[in-house]
Amino acid sequence: MESPFFLLTILLFLSSSPAAVKSKPGASNDLVRSSCVHASYPSLCFRTLSSYTGPADTPRDLAQAAVKVSLSRARKVSTLLRRRVALAGKSKRERAALSDCVEQISDSVEELSKTLGELKHLRGETLGFQLSNAQTWVSAALTNEDTCLDGFEGVEGKVKSEVKRKMSNVAKVTSNALYMINRFNESRG
């Protein structure tokens, strides 16, 4: 029969192995914290990525997670804006601005979806090209979000304030996603 001391020694050894350390939530949070520190919106970055339920153990995981967060929020805003356009009683200018925003956020959803697909299927021989595509698409999504808000120039009221708040939030997580893609790109070289 093994002594209790021997079993305790084995348990301590196993719990300090690299596989055990990697699976600890604290290790993922350390990577998230160190990765988010220089993001455009560090506290938002940490909050959204530390609560992310998927893998967050590598810079690639974080880039994918950040794009998923951005895509999820863009989809929610897209649904909200589509409902807003359907409501009657708005000025012609406000309806036009909302319609433009629906188109812009729809384009952002498409670009973020393509980005996520690209990040999920990275291949060694085309990695640089794929990351360049991802950076381009996320940058385009950011531009779309800004363009949406430009359409509300000269429009006042509750709808403008709500759209501005929602689009600003999507733009912030999208900016952080672009940062994570850039960071992943830099970490591989």
C-alpha atoms as a PDB file:
ATOM      1  CA  MET A   1       0.000   0.000   0.000  1.00  0.00           C
ATOM      2  CA  GLU A   2       1.246   3.475  -0.905  1.00  0.00           C
ATOM      3  CA  SER A   3       1.914   5.939   1.866  1.00  0.00           C
ATOM      4  CA  PRO A   4      -0.291   9.056   2.158  1.00  0.00           C
ATOM      5  CA  PHE A   5       2.842  11.170   1.693  1.00  0.00           C
ATOM      6  CA  PHE A   6       3.599   9.466  -1.639  1.00  0.00           C
ATOM      7  CA  LEU A   7       0.015  10.025  -2.899  1.00  0.00           C
ATOM      8  CA  LEU A   8       0.113  13.660  -1.821  1.00  0.00           C
ATOM      9  CA  THR A   9       3.412  14.140  -3.658  1.00  0.00           C
ATOM     10  CA  ILE A  10       1.941  12.622  -6.845  1.00  0.00           C
ATOM     11  CA  LEU A  11      -1.161  14.845  -6.593  1.00  0.00           C
ATOM     12  CA  LEU A  12       0.952  17.962  -6.107  1.00  0.00           C
ATOM     13  CA  PHE A  13       3.138  17.025  -9.071  1.00  0.00           C
ATOM     14  CA  LEU A  14       0.126  16.440 -11.327  1.00  0.00           C
ATOM     15  CA  SER A  15      -1.603  19.646 -10.274  1.00  0.00           C
ATOM     16  CA  SER A  16       1.474  21.695 -11.188  1.00  0.00           C
ATOM     17  CA  SER A  17       1.931  20.129 -14.636  1.00  0.00           C
ATOM     18  CA  PRO A  18       1.643  22.447 -17.671  1.00  0.00           C
ATOM     19  CA  ALA A  19      -1.675  20.884 -18.746  1.00  0.00           C
ATOM     20  CA  ALA A  20      -3.196  21.574 -15.342  1.00  0.00           C
ATOM     21  CA  VAL A  21      -1.914  25.141 -15.258  1.00  0.00           C
ATOM     22  CA  LYS A  22      -3.258  25.854 -18.752  1.00  0.00           C
ATOM     23  CA  SER A  23      -6.774  24.741 -17.860  1.00  0.00           C
ATOM     24  CA  LYS A  24      -7.026  26.980 -14.802  1.00  0.00           C
ATOM     25  CA  PRO A  25      -9.407  29.905 -15.308  1.00  0.00           C
ATOM     26  CA  GLY A  26      -6.793  32.229 -13.818  1.00  0.00           C
ATOM     27  CA  ALA A  27      -4.326  31.420 -16.599  1.00  0.00           C
ATOM     28  CA  SER A  28      -6.858  32.421 -19.254  1.00  0.00           C
ATOM     29  CA  ASN A  29      -7.707  35.584 -17.331  1.00  0.00           C
ATOM     30  CA  ASP A  30      -4.010  36.451 -17.125  1.00  0.00           C
ATOM     31  CA  LEU A  31      -3.735  36.167 -20.915  1.00  0.00           C
ATOM     32  CA  VAL A  32      -6.902  38.217 -21.370  1.00  0.00           C
ATOM     33  CA  ARG A  33      -5.663  40.880 -18.952  1.00  0.00           C
ATOM     34  CA  SER A  34      -2.217  41.129 -20.546  1.00  0.00           C
ATOM     35  CA  SER A  35      -3.757  41.133 -24.024  1.00  0.00           C
ATOM     36  CA  CYS A  36      -6.382  43.773 -23.269  1.00  0.00           C
ATOM     37  CA  VAL A  37      -4.110  46.240 -21.486  1.00  0.00           C
ATOM     38  CA  HIS A  38      -3.270  48.113 -24.696  1.00  0.00           C
ATOM     39  CA  ALA A  39      -6.598  47.672 -26.498  1.00  0.00           C
ATOM     40  CA  SER A  40      -8.547  50.795 -27.450  1.00  0.00           C
ATOM     41  CA  TYR A  41     -11.082  50.021 -24.707  1.00  0.00           C
ATOM     42  CA  PRO A  42      -9.155  47.914 -22.155  1.00  0.00           C
ATOM     43  CA  SER A  43     -11.817  47.579 -19.459  1.00  0.00           C
ATOM     44  CA  LEU A  44     -14.495  46.633 -22.020  1.00  0.00           C
ATOM     45  CA  CYS A  45     -12.022  44.212 -23.604  1.00  0.00           C
ATOM     46  CA  PHE A  46     -11.286  42.522 -20.292  1.00  0.00           C
ATOM     47  CA  ARG A  47     -14.944  42.419 -19.256  1.00  0.00           C
ATOM     48  CA  THR A  48     -16.159  40.878 -22.521  1.00  0.00           C
ATOM     49  CA  LEU A  49     -13.296  38.418 -23.022  1.00  0.00           C
ATOM     50  CA  SER A  50     -12.891  37.268 -19.421  1.00  0.00           C
ATOM     51  CA  SER A  51     -16.574  36.302 -19.356  1.00  0.00           C
ATOM     52  CA  TYR A  52     -16.314  34.543 -22.729  1.00  0.00           C
ATOM     53  CA  THR A  53     -17.204  30.867 -22.320  1.00  0.00           C
ATOM     54  CA  GLY A  54     -15.113  29.400 -25.137  1.00  0.00           C
ATOM     55  CA  PRO A  55     -11.365  28.803 -25.220  1.00  0.00           C
ATOM     56  CA  ALA A  56      -9.194  31.833 -24.523  1.00  0.00           C
ATOM     57  CA  ASP A  57      -5.771  30.248 -24.133  1.00  0.00           C
ATOM     58  CA  THR A  58      -3.907  31.703 -27.121  1.00  0.00           C
ATOM     59  CA  PRO A  59      -3.810  34.995 -29.033  1.00  0.00           C
ATOM     60  CA  ARG A  60      -5.719  33.227 -31.834  1.00  0.00           C
ATOM     61  CA  ASP A  61      -8.455  32.167 -29.375  1.00  0.00           C
ATOM     62  CA  LEU A  62      -8.715  35.751 -28.133  1.00  0.00           C
ATOM     63  CA  ALA A  63      -8.963  37.142 -31.667  1.00  0.00           C
ATOM     64  CA  GLN A  64     -11.769  34.701 -32.447  1.00  0.00           C
ATOM     65  CA  ALA A  65     -13.521  35.443 -29.157  1.00  0.00           C
ATOM     66  CA  ALA A  66     -13.311  39.203 -29.732  1.00  0.00           C
ATOM     67  CA  VAL A  67     -14.788  38.832 -33.235  1.00  0.00           C
ATOM     68  CA  LYS A  68     -17.570  36.610 -31.835  1.00  0.00           C
ATOM     69  CA  VAL A  69     -18.411  39.275 -29.241  1.00  0.00           C
ATOM     70  CA  SER A  70     -18.459  41.960 -31.926  1.00  0.00           C
ATOM     71  CA  LEU A  71     -20.557  39.833 -34.281  1.00  0.00           C
ATOM     72  CA  SER A  72     -23.063  38.999 -31.556  1.00  0.00           C
ATOM     73  CA  ARG A  73     -23.527  42.645 -30.639  1.00  0.00           C
ATOM     74  CA  ALA A  74     -23.750  43.724 -34.280  1.00  0.00           C
ATOM     75  CA  ARG A  75     -26.487  41.148 -34.879  1.00  0.00           C
ATOM     76  CA  LYS A  76     -28.453  42.397 -31.872  1.00  0.00           C
ATOM     77  CA  VAL A  77     -28.203  46.000 -33.055  1.00  0.00           C
ATOM     78  CA  SER A  78     -29.181  44.944 -36.568  1.00  0.00           C
ATOM     79  CA  THR A  79     -32.363  43.343 -35.213  1.00  0.00           C
ATOM     80  CA  LEU A  80     -33.123  46.406 -33.107  1.00  0.00           C
ATOM     81  CA  LEU A  81     -32.649  48.791 -36.057  1.00  0.00           C
ATOM     82  CA  ARG A  82     -34.841  46.669 -38.336  1.00  0.00           C
ATOM     83  CA  ARG A  83     -37.624  46.922 -35.747  1.00  0.00           C
ATOM     84  CA  ARG A  84     -37.099  50.684 -35.429  1.00  0.00           C
ATOM     85  CA  VAL A  85     -37.435  51.204 -39.186  1.00  0.00           C
ATOM     86  CA  ALA A  86     -40.744  49.328 -39.118  1.00  0.00           C
ATOM     87  CA  LEU A  87     -42.216  51.758 -36.573  1.00  0.00           C
ATOM     88  CA  ALA A  88     -44.222  54.633 -37.975  1.00  0.00           C
ATOM     89  CA  GLY A  89     -44.220  58.278 -36.880  1.00  0.00           C
ATOM     90  CA  LYS A  90     -40.633  59.247 -37.577  1.00  0.00           C
ATOM     91  CA  SER A  91     -39.511  62.122 -39.738  1.00  0.00           C
ATOM     92  CA  LYS A  92     -38.457  61.340 -43.298  1.00  0.00           C
ATOM     93  CA  ARG A  93     -34.839  62.182 -42.442  1.00  0.00           C
ATOM     94  CA  GLU A  94     -34.851  59.926 -39.388  1.00  0.00           C
ATOM     95  CA  ARG A  95     -36.355  57.027 -41.396  1.00  0.00           C
ATOM     96  CA  ALA A  96     -33.694  57.506 -44.085  1.00  0.00           C
ATOM     97  CA  ALA A  97     -30.926  57.538 -41.452  1.00  0.00           C
ATOM     98  CA  LEU A  98     -32.322  54.377 -39.850  1.00  0.00           C
ATOM     99  CA  SER A  99     -32.611  52.638 -43.223  1.00  0.00           C
ATOM    100  CA  ASP A 100     -29.002  53.542 -44.008  1.00  0.00           C
ATOM    101  CA  CYS A 101     -27.934  52.212 -40.600  1.00  0.00           C
ATOM    102  CA  VAL A 102     -29.764  48.932 -41.216  1.00  0.00           C
ATOM    103  CA  GLU A 103     -27.771  48.544 -44.430  1.00  0.00           C
ATOM    104  CA  GLN A 104     -24.484  49.531 -42.778  1.00  0.00           C
ATOM    105  CA  ILE A 105     -24.877  47.205 -39.794  1.00  0.00           C
ATOM    106  CA  SER A 106     -25.952  44.408 -42.125  1.00  0.00           C
ATOM    107  CA  ASP A 107     -22.701  44.905 -44.043  1.00  0.00           C
ATOM    108  CA  SER A 108     -20.806  44.852 -40.734  1.00  0.00           C
ATOM    109  CA  VAL A 109     -22.453  41.561 -39.750  1.00  0.00           C
ATOM    110  CA  GLU A 110     -21.421  40.065 -43.095  1.00  0.00           C
ATOM    111  CA  GLU A 111     -17.828  41.315 -42.760  1.00  0.00           C
ATOM    112  CA  LEU A 112     -17.503  40.093 -39.175  1.00  0.00           C
ATOM    113  CA  SER A 113     -18.947  36.709 -40.196  1.00  0.00           C
ATOM    114  CA  LYS A 114     -16.360  36.407 -42.979  1.00  0.00           C
ATOM    115  CA  THR A 115     -13.654  37.385 -40.503  1.00  0.00           C
ATOM    116  CA  LEU A 116     -14.705  34.716 -38.040  1.00  0.00           C
ATOM    117  CA  GLY A 117     -14.768  32.112 -40.794  1.00  0.00           C
ATOM    118  CA  GLU A 118     -11.284  33.117 -41.870  1.00  0.00           C
ATOM    119  CA  LEU A 119      -9.929  32.966 -38.309  1.00  0.00           C
ATOM    120  CA  LYS A 120     -11.438  29.522 -37.776  1.00  0.00           C
ATOM    121  CA  HIS A 121      -9.778  28.084 -40.882  1.00  0.00           C
ATOM    122  CA  LEU A 122      -6.259  29.517 -40.829  1.00  0.00           C
ATOM    123  CA  ARG A 123      -3.695  27.602 -42.880  1.00  0.00           C
ATOM    124  CA  GLY A 124       0.054  27.944 -42.636  1.00  0.00           C
ATOM    125  CA  GLU A 125       0.699  28.621 -46.317  1.00  0.00           C
ATOM    126  CA  THR A 126      -1.930  31.391 -46.546  1.00  0.00           C
ATOM    127  CA  LEU A 127      -1.907  32.670 -42.964  1.00  0.00           C
ATOM    128  CA  GLY A 128      -0.596  36.142 -43.786  1.00  0.00           C
ATOM    129  CA  PHE A 129      -3.160  36.618 -46.556  1.00  0.00           C
ATOM    130  CA  GLN A 130      -5.984  35.369 -44.338  1.00  0.00           C
ATOM    131  CA  LEU A 131      -5.039  37.694 -41.481  1.00  0.00           C
ATOM    132  CA  SER A 132      -4.836  40.576 -43.939  1.00  0.00           C
ATOM    133  CA  ASN A 133      -8.375  39.735 -45.073  1.00  0.00           C
ATOM    134  CA  ALA A 134      -9.560  39.621 -41.460  1.00  0.00           C
ATOM    135  CA  GLN A 135      -7.997  43.009 -40.712  1.00  0.00           C
ATOM    136  CA  THR A 136      -9.557  44.527 -43.839  1.00  0.00           C
ATOM    137  CA  TRP A 137     -13.038  43.191 -43.081  1.00  0.00           C
ATOM    138  CA  VAL A 138     -13.002  44.297 -39.434  1.00  0.00           C
ATOM    139  CA  SER A 139     -11.750  47.745 -40.500  1.00  0.00           C
ATOM    140  CA  ALA A 140     -14.610  47.924 -43.013  1.00  0.00           C
ATOM    141  CA  ALA A 141     -17.088  46.969 -40.275  1.00  0.00           C
ATOM    142  CA  LEU A 142     -15.757  49.854 -38.166  1.00  0.00           C
ATOM    143  CA  THR A 143     -16.183  52.233 -41.099  1.00  0.00           C
ATOM    144  CA  ASN A 144     -19.774  51.049 -41.596  1.00  0.00           C
ATOM    145  CA  GLU A 145     -20.547  51.744 -37.957  1.00  0.00           C
ATOM    146  CA  ASP A 146     -19.179  55.293 -38.270  1.00  0.00           C
ATOM    147  CA  THR A 147     -21.069  55.848 -41.523  1.00  0.00           C
ATOM    148  CA  CYS A 148     -24.309  54.847 -39.815  1.00  0.00           C
ATOM    149  CA  LEU A 149     -23.857  57.560 -37.218  1.00  0.00           C
ATOM    150  CA  ASP A 150     -22.947  60.138 -39.872  1.00  0.00           C
ATOM    151  CA  GLY A 151     -26.443  59.687 -41.325  1.00  0.00           C
ATOM    152  CA  PHE A 152     -27.969  61.117 -38.153  1.00  0.00           C
ATOM    153  CA  GLU A 153     -26.263  64.490 -38.652  1.00  0.00           C
ATOM    154  CA  GLY A 154     -28.992  67.101 -38.135  1.00  0.00           C
ATOM    155  CA  VAL A 155     -31.445  64.613 -36.608  1.00  0.00           C
ATOM    156  CA  GLU A 156     -32.321  65.002 -32.948  1.00  0.00           C
ATOM    157  CA  GLY A 157     -34.288  62.909 -30.516  1.00  0.00           C
ATOM    158  CA  LYS A 158     -34.545  59.635 -28.657  1.00  0.00           C
ATOM    159  CA  VAL A 159     -33.968  57.404 -31.655  1.00  0.00           C
ATOM    160  CA  LYS A 160     -30.691  59.139 -32.538  1.00  0.00           C
ATOM    161  CA  SER A 161     -29.482  58.838 -28.939  1.00  0.00           C
ATOM    162  CA  GLU A 162     -30.365  55.153 -28.772  1.00  0.00           C
ATOM    163  CA  VAL A 163     -28.770  54.345 -32.136  1.00  0.00           C
ATOM    164  CA  LYS A 164     -25.657  56.316 -31.206  1.00  0.00           C
ATOM    165  CA  ARG A 165     -25.316  54.454 -27.898  1.00  0.00           C
ATOM    166  CA  LYS A 166     -25.821  51.012 -29.479  1.00  0.00           C
ATOM    167  CA  MET A 167     -23.552  51.678 -32.465  1.00  0.00           C
ATOM    168  CA  SER A 168     -20.877  53.161 -30.220  1.00  0.00           C
ATOM    169  CA  ASN A 169     -20.857  49.965 -28.163  1.00  0.00           C
ATOM    170  CA  VAL A 170     -20.577  47.806 -31.290  1.00  0.00           C
ATOM    171  CA  ALA A 171     -17.791  50.046 -32.608  1.00  0.00           C
ATOM    172  CA  LYS A 172     -15.856  49.697 -29.333  1.00  0.00           C
ATOM    173  CA  VAL A 173     -15.966  45.887 -29.279  1.00  0.00           C
ATOM    174  CA  THR A 174     -15.161  45.861 -33.016  1.00  0.00           C
ATOM    175  CA  SER A 175     -12.157  48.098 -32.401  1.00  0.00           C
ATOM    176  CA  ASN A 176     -11.012  45.688 -29.695  1.00  0.00           C
ATOM    177  CA  ALA A 177     -11.509  42.773 -32.121  1.00  0.00           C
ATOM    178  CA  LEU A 178      -9.270  44.496 -34.664  1.00  0.00           C
ATOM    179  CA  TYR A 179      -6.669  45.024 -31.947  1.00  0.00           C
ATOM    180  CA  MET A 180      -6.780  41.312 -31.030  1.00  0.00           C
ATOM    181  CA  ILE A 181      -6.364  40.296 -34.678  1.00  0.00           C
ATOM    182  CA  ASN A 182      -3.398  42.659 -35.010  1.00  0.00           C
ATOM    183  CA  ARG A 183      -1.950  41.307 -31.765  1.00  0.00           C
ATOM    184  CA  PHE A 184      -2.327  37.719 -32.980  1.00  0.00           C
ATOM    185  CA  ASN A 185      -0.676  38.651 -36.271  1.00  0.00           C
ATOM    186  CA  GLU A 186       2.273  40.199 -34.393  1.00  0.00           C
ATOM    187  CA  SER A 187       2.575  37.242 -31.988  1.00  0.00           C
ATOM    188  CA  ARG A 188       3.063  34.720 -34.779  1.00  0.00           C
ATOM    189  CA  GLY A 189       6.200  36.426 -36.148  1.00  0.00           C
END
